[in-house]
ModelCIF file with pLDDT and N, C-alpha, C, O atoms, coordinates in Angstrom:
data_MODEL
#
_entry.id   MODEL 
#
_entity.id                         1 
_entity.type                       polymer 
_entity.pdbx_number_of_molecules   1 
#
_entity_poly.entity_id                      1 
_entity_poly.type                           'polypeptide(L)' 
_entity_poly.nstd_linkage                   no 
_entity_poly.nstd_monomer                   no 
_entity_poly.pdbx_seq_one_letter_code       LPLAGAAGRPPGDWPAYVYAEGKRQAEAVFLGDPAFPYVGVR 
_entity_poly.pdbx_seq_one_letter_code_can   LPLAGAAGRPPGDWPAYVYAEGKRQAEAVFLGDPAFPYVGVR 
_entity_poly.pdbx_strand_id                 A 
#
loop_
_entity_poly_seq.entity_id 
_entity_poly_seq.num 
_entity_poly_seq.mon_id 
_entity_poly_seq.hetero 
1 1  LEU n 
1 2  PRO n 
1 3  LEU n 
1 4  ALA n 
1 5  GLY n 
1 6  ALA n 
1 7  ALA n 
1 8  GLY n 
1 9  ARG n 
1 10 PRO n 
1 11 PRO n 
1 12 GLY n 
1 13 ASP n 
1 14 TRP n 
1 15 PRO n 
1 16 ALA n 
1 17 TYR n 
1 18 VAL n 
1 19 TYR n 
1 20 ALA n 
1 21 GLU n 
1 22 GLY n 
1 23 LYS n 
1 24 ARG n 
1 25 GLN n 
1 26 ALA n 
1 27 GLU n 
1 28 ALA n 
1 29 VAL n 
1 30 PHE n 
1 31 LEU n 
1 32 GLY n 
1 33 ASP n 
1 34 PRO n 
1 35 ALA n 
1 36 PHE n 
1 37 PRO n 
1 38 TYR n 
1 39 VAL n 
1 40 GLY n 
1 41 VAL n 
1 42 ARG n 
#
_struct_asym.id          A 
_struct_asym.entity_id   1 
#
loop_
_ma_qa_metric.id 
_ma_qa_metric.mode 
_ma_qa_metric.name 
_ma_qa_metric.software_group_id 
_ma_qa_metric.type 
1 global pLDDT . pLDDT 
2 local  pLDDT . pLDDT 
#
_ma_qa_metric_global.metric_id      1 
_ma_qa_metric_global.metric_value   79.38 
_ma_qa_metric_global.model_id       1 
_ma_qa_metric_global.ordinal_id     1 
#
loop_
_ma_qa_metric_local.label_asym_id 
_ma_qa_metric_local.label_comp_id 
_ma_qa_metric_local.label_seq_id 
_ma_qa_metric_local.metric_id 
_ma_qa_metric_local.metric_value 
_ma_qa_metric_local.model_id 
_ma_qa_metric_local.ordinal_id 
A LEU 1  2 78.00 1 1  
A PRO 2  2 70.00 1 2  
A LEU 3  2 61.00 1 3  
A ALA 4  2 56.00 1 4  
A GLY 5  2 49.00 1 5  
A ALA 6  2 45.00 1 6  
A ALA 7  2 43.00 1 7  
A GLY 8  2 46.00 1 8  
A ARG 9  2 50.00 1 9  
A PRO 10 2 46.00 1 10 
A PRO 11 2 47.00 1 11 
A GLY 12 2 44.00 1 12 
A ASP 13 2 41.00 1 13 
A TRP 14 2 68.00 1 14 
A PRO 15 2 77.00 1 15 
A ALA 16 2 81.00 1 16 
A TYR 17 2 82.00 1 17 
A VAL 18 2 87.00 1 18 
A TYR 19 2 90.00 1 19 
A ALA 20 2 92.00 1 20 
A GLU 21 2 91.00 1 21 
A GLY 22 2 93.00 1 22 
A LYS 23 2 96.00 1 23 
A ARG 24 2 95.00 1 24 
A GLN 25 2 94.00 1 25 
A ALA 26 2 96.00 1 26 
A GLU 27 2 97.00 1 27 
A ALA 28 2 95.00 1 28 
A VAL 29 2 95.00 1 29 
A PHE 30 2 96.00 1 30 
A LEU 31 2 95.00 1 31 
A GLY 32 2 90.00 1 32 
A ASP 33 2 84.00 1 33 
A PRO 34 2 86.00 1 34 
A ALA 35 2 94.00 1 35 
A PHE 36 2 97.00 1 36 
A PRO 37 2 97.00 1 37 
A TYR 38 2 98.00 1 38 
A VAL 39 2 98.00 1 39 
A GLY 40 2 98.00 1 40 
A VAL 41 2 98.00 1 41 
A ARG 42 2 98.00 1 42 
#
loop_
_atom_site.group_PDB 
_atom_site.id 
_atom_site.type_symbol 
_atom_site.label_atom_id 
_atom_site.label_alt_id 
_atom_site.label_comp_id 
_atom_site.label_asym_id 
_atom_site.label_entity_id 
_atom_site.label_seq_id 
_atom_site.pdbx_PDB_ins_code 
_atom_site.Cartn_x 
_atom_site.Cartn_y 
_atom_site.Cartn_z 
_atom_site.occupancy 
_atom_site.B_iso_or_equiv 
_atom_site.pdbx_formal_charge 
_atom_site.auth_seq_id 
_atom_site.auth_comp_id 
_atom_site.auth_asym_id 
_atom_site.auth_atom_id 
_atom_site.pdbx_PDB_model_num 
ATOM 1   N N  . LEU A 1 1  ? -5.710  -0.907  6.327   1.00 78.00 ? 1  LEU A N  1 
ATOM 2   C CA . LEU A 1 1  ? -4.761  0.468   6.567   1.00 78.00 ? 1  LEU A CA 1 
ATOM 3   C C  . LEU A 1 1  ? -5.293  1.784   6.415   1.00 78.00 ? 1  LEU A C  1 
ATOM 4   O O  . LEU A 1 1  ? -6.064  1.577   5.478   1.00 78.00 ? 1  LEU A O  1 
ATOM 5   N N  . PRO A 1 2  ? -5.466  3.538   6.813   1.00 70.00 ? 2  PRO A N  1 
ATOM 6   C CA . PRO A 1 2  ? -5.879  4.268   6.155   1.00 70.00 ? 2  PRO A CA 1 
ATOM 7   C C  . PRO A 1 2  ? -4.680  4.335   4.775   1.00 70.00 ? 2  PRO A C  1 
ATOM 8   O O  . PRO A 1 2  ? -3.606  3.804   4.495   1.00 70.00 ? 2  PRO A O  1 
ATOM 9   N N  . LEU A 1 3  ? -5.856  5.573   4.018   1.00 61.00 ? 3  LEU A N  1 
ATOM 10  C CA . LEU A 1 3  ? -4.733  5.644   3.111   1.00 61.00 ? 3  LEU A CA 1 
ATOM 11  C C  . LEU A 1 3  ? -3.776  6.718   3.565   1.00 61.00 ? 3  LEU A C  1 
ATOM 12  O O  . LEU A 1 3  ? -3.689  7.366   4.608   1.00 61.00 ? 3  LEU A O  1 
ATOM 13  N N  . ALA A 1 4  ? -2.984  6.693   2.275   1.00 56.00 ? 4  ALA A N  1 
ATOM 14  C CA . ALA A 1 4  ? -1.693  7.649   2.642   1.00 56.00 ? 4  ALA A CA 1 
ATOM 15  C C  . ALA A 1 4  ? -2.912  9.439   2.575   1.00 56.00 ? 4  ALA A C  1 
ATOM 16  O O  . ALA A 1 4  ? -3.766  9.900   1.817   1.00 56.00 ? 4  ALA A O  1 
ATOM 17  N N  . GLY A 1 5  ? -2.176  9.883   3.986   1.00 49.00 ? 5  GLY A N  1 
ATOM 18  C CA . GLY A 1 5  ? -1.901  11.322  3.983   1.00 49.00 ? 5  GLY A CA 1 
ATOM 19  C C  . GLY A 1 5  ? -4.100  11.412  4.867   1.00 49.00 ? 5  GLY A C  1 
ATOM 20  O O  . GLY A 1 5  ? -4.604  12.457  5.277   1.00 49.00 ? 5  GLY A O  1 
ATOM 21  N N  . ALA A 1 6  ? -4.735  10.181  4.867   1.00 45.00 ? 6  ALA A N  1 
ATOM 22  C CA . ALA A 1 6  ? -5.972  10.355  5.893   1.00 45.00 ? 6  ALA A CA 1 
ATOM 23  C C  . ALA A 1 6  ? -5.987  10.146  7.074   1.00 45.00 ? 6  ALA A C  1 
ATOM 24  O O  . ALA A 1 6  ? -7.058  10.135  7.683   1.00 45.00 ? 6  ALA A O  1 
ATOM 25  N N  . ALA A 1 7  ? -4.745  9.918   7.721   1.00 43.00 ? 7  ALA A N  1 
ATOM 26  C CA . ALA A 1 7  ? -4.090  9.940   9.290   1.00 43.00 ? 7  ALA A CA 1 
ATOM 27  C C  . ALA A 1 7  ? -3.186  10.763  10.310  1.00 43.00 ? 7  ALA A C  1 
ATOM 28  O O  . ALA A 1 7  ? -2.644  10.631  11.407  1.00 43.00 ? 7  ALA A O  1 
ATOM 29  N N  . GLY A 1 8  ? -3.391  11.904  9.049   1.00 46.00 ? 8  GLY A N  1 
ATOM 30  C CA . GLY A 1 8  ? -2.449  13.298  9.607   1.00 46.00 ? 8  GLY A CA 1 
ATOM 31  C C  . GLY A 1 8  ? -0.725  12.901  8.648   1.00 46.00 ? 8  GLY A C  1 
ATOM 32  O O  . GLY A 1 8  ? -0.167  13.941  8.298   1.00 46.00 ? 8  GLY A O  1 
ATOM 33  N N  . ARG A 1 9  ? -0.349  12.262  8.458   1.00 50.00 ? 9  ARG A N  1 
ATOM 34  C CA . ARG A 1 9  ? 1.051   11.623  7.456   1.00 50.00 ? 9  ARG A CA 1 
ATOM 35  C C  . ARG A 1 9  ? 0.626   11.718  6.381   1.00 50.00 ? 9  ARG A C  1 
ATOM 36  O O  . ARG A 1 9  ? 0.172   10.721  5.819   1.00 50.00 ? 9  ARG A O  1 
ATOM 37  N N  . PRO A 1 10 ? 0.653   13.366  5.568   1.00 46.00 ? 10 PRO A N  1 
ATOM 38  C CA . PRO A 1 10 ? 0.850   13.275  4.318   1.00 46.00 ? 10 PRO A CA 1 
ATOM 39  C C  . PRO A 1 10 ? 1.935   12.517  3.351   1.00 46.00 ? 10 PRO A C  1 
ATOM 40  O O  . PRO A 1 10 ? 3.036   12.194  3.797   1.00 46.00 ? 10 PRO A O  1 
ATOM 41  N N  . PRO A 1 11 ? 1.605   12.293  2.189   1.00 47.00 ? 11 PRO A N  1 
ATOM 42  C CA . PRO A 1 11 ? 2.374   11.554  1.308   1.00 47.00 ? 11 PRO A CA 1 
ATOM 43  C C  . PRO A 1 11 ? 3.002   12.694  0.742   1.00 47.00 ? 11 PRO A C  1 
ATOM 44  O O  . PRO A 1 11 ? 2.534   13.659  0.138   1.00 47.00 ? 11 PRO A O  1 
ATOM 45  N N  . GLY A 1 12 ? 4.688   12.241  1.210   1.00 44.00 ? 12 GLY A N  1 
ATOM 46  C CA . GLY A 1 12 ? 5.952   13.027  1.032   1.00 44.00 ? 12 GLY A CA 1 
ATOM 47  C C  . GLY A 1 12 ? 6.644   12.420  -0.336  1.00 44.00 ? 12 GLY A C  1 
ATOM 48  O O  . GLY A 1 12 ? 6.294   11.429  -0.978  1.00 44.00 ? 12 GLY A O  1 
ATOM 49  N N  . ASP A 1 13 ? 7.592   13.208  -0.546  1.00 41.00 ? 13 ASP A N  1 
ATOM 50  C CA . ASP A 1 13 ? 8.798   12.185  -1.513  1.00 41.00 ? 13 ASP A CA 1 
ATOM 51  C C  . ASP A 1 13 ? 9.791   11.294  -1.005  1.00 41.00 ? 13 ASP A C  1 
ATOM 52  O O  . ASP A 1 13 ? 10.614  10.758  -1.747  1.00 41.00 ? 13 ASP A O  1 
ATOM 53  N N  . TRP A 1 14 ? 9.737   11.061  0.595   1.00 68.00 ? 14 TRP A N  1 
ATOM 54  C CA . TRP A 1 14 ? 10.493  10.322  1.449   1.00 68.00 ? 14 TRP A CA 1 
ATOM 55  C C  . TRP A 1 14 ? 10.056  8.915   0.696   1.00 68.00 ? 14 TRP A C  1 
ATOM 56  O O  . TRP A 1 14 ? 9.042   8.224   0.791   1.00 68.00 ? 14 TRP A O  1 
ATOM 57  N N  . PRO A 1 15 ? 11.818  8.734   -0.459  1.00 77.00 ? 15 PRO A N  1 
ATOM 58  C CA . PRO A 1 15 ? 11.922  7.221   -0.726  1.00 77.00 ? 15 PRO A CA 1 
ATOM 59  C C  . PRO A 1 15 ? 11.416  6.309   -0.096  1.00 77.00 ? 15 PRO A C  1 
ATOM 60  O O  . PRO A 1 15 ? 10.602  5.519   -0.572  1.00 77.00 ? 15 PRO A O  1 
ATOM 61  N N  . ALA A 1 16 ? 11.827  6.302   1.034   1.00 81.00 ? 16 ALA A N  1 
ATOM 62  C CA . ALA A 1 16 ? 11.489  5.062   1.608   1.00 81.00 ? 16 ALA A CA 1 
ATOM 63  C C  . ALA A 1 16 ? 9.966   4.872   2.141   1.00 81.00 ? 16 ALA A C  1 
ATOM 64  O O  . ALA A 1 16 ? 9.506   3.735   2.046   1.00 81.00 ? 16 ALA A O  1 
ATOM 65  N N  . TYR A 1 17 ? 9.063   5.992   2.750   1.00 82.00 ? 17 TYR A N  1 
ATOM 66  C CA . TYR A 1 17 ? 8.025   6.001   3.017   1.00 82.00 ? 17 TYR A CA 1 
ATOM 67  C C  . TYR A 1 17 ? 7.243   5.817   1.374   1.00 82.00 ? 17 TYR A C  1 
ATOM 68  O O  . TYR A 1 17 ? 6.284   5.057   1.511   1.00 82.00 ? 17 TYR A O  1 
ATOM 69  N N  . VAL A 1 18 ? 7.373   6.254   0.011   1.00 87.00 ? 18 VAL A N  1 
ATOM 70  C CA . VAL A 1 18 ? 7.084   6.194   -1.224  1.00 87.00 ? 18 VAL A CA 1 
ATOM 71  C C  . VAL A 1 18 ? 6.944   5.277   -1.319  1.00 87.00 ? 18 VAL A C  1 
ATOM 72  O O  . VAL A 1 18 ? 5.786   4.959   -1.588  1.00 87.00 ? 18 VAL A O  1 
ATOM 73  N N  . TYR A 1 19 ? 8.178   3.938   -1.152  1.00 90.00 ? 19 TYR A N  1 
ATOM 74  C CA . TYR A 1 19 ? 8.229   3.126   -1.630  1.00 90.00 ? 19 TYR A CA 1 
ATOM 75  C C  . TYR A 1 19 ? 7.331   1.551   -0.740  1.00 90.00 ? 19 TYR A C  1 
ATOM 76  O O  . TYR A 1 19 ? 6.791   0.513   -1.120  1.00 90.00 ? 19 TYR A O  1 
ATOM 77  N N  . ALA A 1 20 ? 7.596   2.159   0.436   1.00 92.00 ? 20 ALA A N  1 
ATOM 78  C CA . ALA A 1 20 ? 6.400   0.745   1.587   1.00 92.00 ? 20 ALA A CA 1 
ATOM 79  C C  . ALA A 1 20 ? 4.893   1.497   1.859   1.00 92.00 ? 20 ALA A C  1 
ATOM 80  O O  . ALA A 1 20 ? 4.183   0.625   2.361   1.00 92.00 ? 20 ALA A O  1 
ATOM 81  N N  . GLU A 1 21 ? 4.397   2.308   1.777   1.00 91.00 ? 21 GLU A N  1 
ATOM 82  C CA . GLU A 1 21 ? 3.215   3.140   0.939   1.00 91.00 ? 21 GLU A CA 1 
ATOM 83  C C  . GLU A 1 21 ? 2.821   2.258   -0.302  1.00 91.00 ? 21 GLU A C  1 
ATOM 84  O O  . GLU A 1 21 ? 2.064   1.287   -0.333  1.00 91.00 ? 21 GLU A O  1 
ATOM 85  N N  . GLY A 1 22 ? 3.651   2.946   -1.484  1.00 93.00 ? 22 GLY A N  1 
ATOM 86  C CA . GLY A 1 22 ? 3.297   1.475   -2.441  1.00 93.00 ? 22 GLY A CA 1 
ATOM 87  C C  . GLY A 1 22 ? 2.916   0.456   -2.599  1.00 93.00 ? 22 GLY A C  1 
ATOM 88  O O  . GLY A 1 22 ? 1.806   0.078   -2.973  1.00 93.00 ? 22 GLY A O  1 
ATOM 89  N N  . LYS A 1 23 ? 4.217   -0.348  -2.201  1.00 96.00 ? 23 LYS A N  1 
ATOM 90  C CA . LYS A 1 23 ? 3.454   -1.704  -1.665  1.00 96.00 ? 23 LYS A CA 1 
ATOM 91  C C  . LYS A 1 23 ? 2.426   -1.954  -0.892  1.00 96.00 ? 23 LYS A C  1 
ATOM 92  O O  . LYS A 1 23 ? 1.726   -2.894  -1.269  1.00 96.00 ? 23 LYS A O  1 
ATOM 93  N N  . ARG A 1 24 ? 2.056   -1.326  0.230   1.00 95.00 ? 24 ARG A N  1 
ATOM 94  C CA . ARG A 1 24 ? 0.991   -1.878  0.858   1.00 95.00 ? 24 ARG A CA 1 
ATOM 95  C C  . ARG A 1 24 ? -0.168  -1.508  0.270   1.00 95.00 ? 24 ARG A C  1 
ATOM 96  O O  . ARG A 1 24 ? -1.238  -2.060  0.525   1.00 95.00 ? 24 ARG A O  1 
ATOM 97  N N  . GLN A 1 25 ? -0.032  -0.539  -0.563  1.00 94.00 ? 25 GLN A N  1 
ATOM 98  C CA . GLN A 1 25 ? -1.296  -0.031  -1.425  1.00 94.00 ? 25 GLN A CA 1 
ATOM 99  C C  . GLN A 1 25 ? -1.769  -0.826  -2.046  1.00 94.00 ? 25 GLN A C  1 
ATOM 100 O O  . GLN A 1 25 ? -2.936  -1.209  -1.961  1.00 94.00 ? 25 GLN A O  1 
ATOM 101 N N  . ALA A 1 26 ? -0.429  -1.446  -3.228  1.00 96.00 ? 26 ALA A N  1 
ATOM 102 C CA . ALA A 1 26 ? -0.362  -2.486  -3.863  1.00 96.00 ? 26 ALA A CA 1 
ATOM 103 C C  . ALA A 1 26 ? -1.386  -3.644  -3.937  1.00 96.00 ? 26 ALA A C  1 
ATOM 104 O O  . ALA A 1 26 ? -2.283  -4.091  -4.651  1.00 96.00 ? 26 ALA A O  1 
ATOM 105 N N  . GLU A 1 27 ? -0.607  -3.905  -2.572  1.00 97.00 ? 27 GLU A N  1 
ATOM 106 C CA . GLU A 1 27 ? -1.042  -5.361  -1.853  1.00 97.00 ? 27 GLU A CA 1 
ATOM 107 C C  . GLU A 1 27 ? -2.809  -5.111  -1.833  1.00 97.00 ? 27 GLU A C  1 
ATOM 108 O O  . GLU A 1 27 ? -3.752  -5.723  -2.334  1.00 97.00 ? 27 GLU A O  1 
ATOM 109 N N  . ALA A 1 28 ? -2.699  -4.036  -1.084  1.00 95.00 ? 28 ALA A N  1 
ATOM 110 C CA . ALA A 1 28 ? -4.227  -4.047  -0.481  1.00 95.00 ? 28 ALA A CA 1 
ATOM 111 C C  . ALA A 1 28 ? -5.651  -4.692  -2.027  1.00 95.00 ? 28 ALA A C  1 
ATOM 112 O O  . ALA A 1 28 ? -6.655  -5.403  -2.065  1.00 95.00 ? 28 ALA A O  1 
ATOM 113 N N  . VAL A 1 29 ? -4.732  -3.765  -3.115  1.00 95.00 ? 29 VAL A N  1 
ATOM 114 C CA . VAL A 1 29 ? -5.314  -3.818  -4.198  1.00 95.00 ? 29 VAL A CA 1 
ATOM 115 C C  . VAL A 1 29 ? -5.502  -5.865  -4.770  1.00 95.00 ? 29 VAL A C  1 
ATOM 116 O O  . VAL A 1 29 ? -6.468  -6.240  -5.434  1.00 95.00 ? 29 VAL A O  1 
ATOM 117 N N  . PHE A 1 30 ? -4.785  -6.475  -4.477  1.00 96.00 ? 30 PHE A N  1 
ATOM 118 C CA . PHE A 1 30 ? -4.781  -7.158  -4.838  1.00 96.00 ? 30 PHE A CA 1 
ATOM 119 C C  . PHE A 1 30 ? -5.912  -8.399  -3.121  1.00 96.00 ? 30 PHE A C  1 
ATOM 120 O O  . PHE A 1 30 ? -6.713  -9.323  -3.260  1.00 96.00 ? 30 PHE A O  1 
ATOM 121 N N  . LEU A 1 31 ? -5.524  -7.923  -2.182  1.00 95.00 ? 31 LEU A N  1 
ATOM 122 C CA . LEU A 1 31 ? -5.812  -8.610  -1.395  1.00 95.00 ? 31 LEU A CA 1 
ATOM 123 C C  . LEU A 1 31 ? -7.763  -8.168  -1.022  1.00 95.00 ? 31 LEU A C  1 
ATOM 124 O O  . LEU A 1 31 ? -8.613  -8.959  -0.613  1.00 95.00 ? 31 LEU A O  1 
ATOM 125 N N  . GLY A 1 32 ? -7.907  -7.011  -1.276  1.00 90.00 ? 32 GLY A N  1 
ATOM 126 C CA . GLY A 1 32 ? -9.407  -6.968  -1.122  1.00 90.00 ? 32 GLY A CA 1 
ATOM 127 C C  . GLY A 1 32 ? -10.699 -7.573  -1.804  1.00 90.00 ? 32 GLY A C  1 
ATOM 128 O O  . GLY A 1 32 ? -11.709 -8.119  -1.358  1.00 90.00 ? 32 GLY A O  1 
ATOM 129 N N  . ASP A 1 33 ? -10.306 -7.292  -2.909  1.00 84.00 ? 33 ASP A N  1 
ATOM 130 C CA . ASP A 1 33 ? -11.579 -8.545  -4.024  1.00 84.00 ? 33 ASP A CA 1 
ATOM 131 C C  . ASP A 1 33 ? -10.146 -9.075  -4.866  1.00 84.00 ? 33 ASP A C  1 
ATOM 132 O O  . ASP A 1 33 ? -9.547  -8.508  -5.780  1.00 84.00 ? 33 ASP A O  1 
ATOM 133 N N  . PRO A 1 34 ? -9.906  -10.143 -4.309  1.00 86.00 ? 34 PRO A N  1 
ATOM 134 C CA . PRO A 1 34 ? -9.181  -11.311 -5.140  1.00 86.00 ? 34 PRO A CA 1 
ATOM 135 C C  . PRO A 1 34 ? -10.127 -11.359 -6.813  1.00 86.00 ? 34 PRO A C  1 
ATOM 136 O O  . PRO A 1 34 ? -11.311 -11.645 -6.993  1.00 86.00 ? 34 PRO A O  1 
ATOM 137 N N  . ALA A 1 35 ? -9.410  -11.092 -7.505  1.00 94.00 ? 35 ALA A N  1 
ATOM 138 C CA . ALA A 1 35 ? -9.853  -12.085 -8.840  1.00 94.00 ? 35 ALA A CA 1 
ATOM 139 C C  . ALA A 1 35 ? -9.046  -13.063 -9.451  1.00 94.00 ? 35 ALA A C  1 
ATOM 140 O O  . ALA A 1 35 ? -9.084  -13.252 -10.667 1.00 94.00 ? 35 ALA A O  1 
ATOM 141 N N  . PHE A 1 36 ? -8.372  -13.649 -8.744  1.00 97.00 ? 36 PHE A N  1 
ATOM 142 C CA . PHE A 1 36 ? -6.878  -14.771 -9.090  1.00 97.00 ? 36 PHE A CA 1 
ATOM 143 C C  . PHE A 1 36 ? -6.589  -15.490 -7.274  1.00 97.00 ? 36 PHE A C  1 
ATOM 144 O O  . PHE A 1 36 ? -6.568  -14.944 -6.171  1.00 97.00 ? 36 PHE A O  1 
ATOM 145 N N  . PRO A 1 37 ? -6.491  -16.255 -7.516  1.00 97.00 ? 37 PRO A N  1 
ATOM 146 C CA . PRO A 1 37 ? -5.057  -16.639 -6.241  1.00 97.00 ? 37 PRO A CA 1 
ATOM 147 C C  . PRO A 1 37 ? -3.995  -16.079 -5.976  1.00 97.00 ? 37 PRO A C  1 
ATOM 148 O O  . PRO A 1 37 ? -3.011  -16.482 -6.596  1.00 97.00 ? 37 PRO A O  1 
ATOM 149 N N  . TYR A 1 38 ? -3.840  -15.151 -5.141  1.00 98.00 ? 38 TYR A N  1 
ATOM 150 C CA . TYR A 1 38 ? -2.520  -14.413 -5.041  1.00 98.00 ? 38 TYR A CA 1 
ATOM 151 C C  . TYR A 1 38 ? -2.127  -14.365 -3.583  1.00 98.00 ? 38 TYR A C  1 
ATOM 152 O O  . TYR A 1 38 ? -2.712  -14.223 -2.510  1.00 98.00 ? 38 TYR A O  1 
ATOM 153 N N  . VAL A 1 39 ? -0.599  -14.585 -4.098  1.00 98.00 ? 39 VAL A N  1 
ATOM 154 C CA . VAL A 1 39 ? 0.141   -14.415 -2.948  1.00 98.00 ? 39 VAL A CA 1 
ATOM 155 C C  . VAL A 1 39 ? 1.572   -12.943 -3.126  1.00 98.00 ? 39 VAL A C  1 
ATOM 156 O O  . VAL A 1 39 ? 2.266   -12.580 -4.076  1.00 98.00 ? 39 VAL A O  1 
ATOM 157 N N  . GLY A 1 40 ? 1.451   -12.475 -1.645  1.00 98.00 ? 40 GLY A N  1 
ATOM 158 C CA . GLY A 1 40 ? 2.244   -11.602 -1.841  1.00 98.00 ? 40 GLY A CA 1 
ATOM 159 C C  . GLY A 1 40 ? 3.270   -11.553 -0.693  1.00 98.00 ? 40 GLY A C  1 
ATOM 160 O O  . GLY A 1 40 ? 3.227   -11.216 0.490   1.00 98.00 ? 40 GLY A O  1 
ATOM 161 N N  . VAL A 1 41 ? 4.256   -12.050 -1.571  1.00 98.00 ? 41 VAL A N  1 
ATOM 162 C CA . VAL A 1 41 ? 5.686   -12.450 -1.083  1.00 98.00 ? 41 VAL A CA 1 
ATOM 163 C C  . VAL A 1 41 ? 6.657   -10.815 -0.470  1.00 98.00 ? 41 VAL A C  1 
ATOM 164 O O  . VAL A 1 41 ? 7.104   -9.904  -1.168  1.00 98.00 ? 41 VAL A O  1 
ATOM 165 N N  . ARG A 1 42 ? 6.703   -10.991 1.135   1.00 98.00 ? 42 ARG A N  1 
ATOM 166 C CA . ARG A 1 42 ? 7.095   -9.602  1.803   1.00 98.00 ? 42 ARG A CA 1 
ATOM 167 C C  . ARG A 1 42 ? 8.567   -10.562 1.704   1.00 98.00 ? 42 ARG A C  1 
ATOM 168 O O  . ARG A 1 42 ? 9.632   -10.104 2.119   1.00 98.00 ? 42 ARG A O  1 
#
């Protein structure tokens, strides 16, 4: 996915957006270049 703000949606302080985007990007860190076996429980 594009990073927050990269596709026309600026990162704001809307709690639901901040929470969801933070979790998506955290998942991306672990999934992008695994340093250990990783599971993301949604």
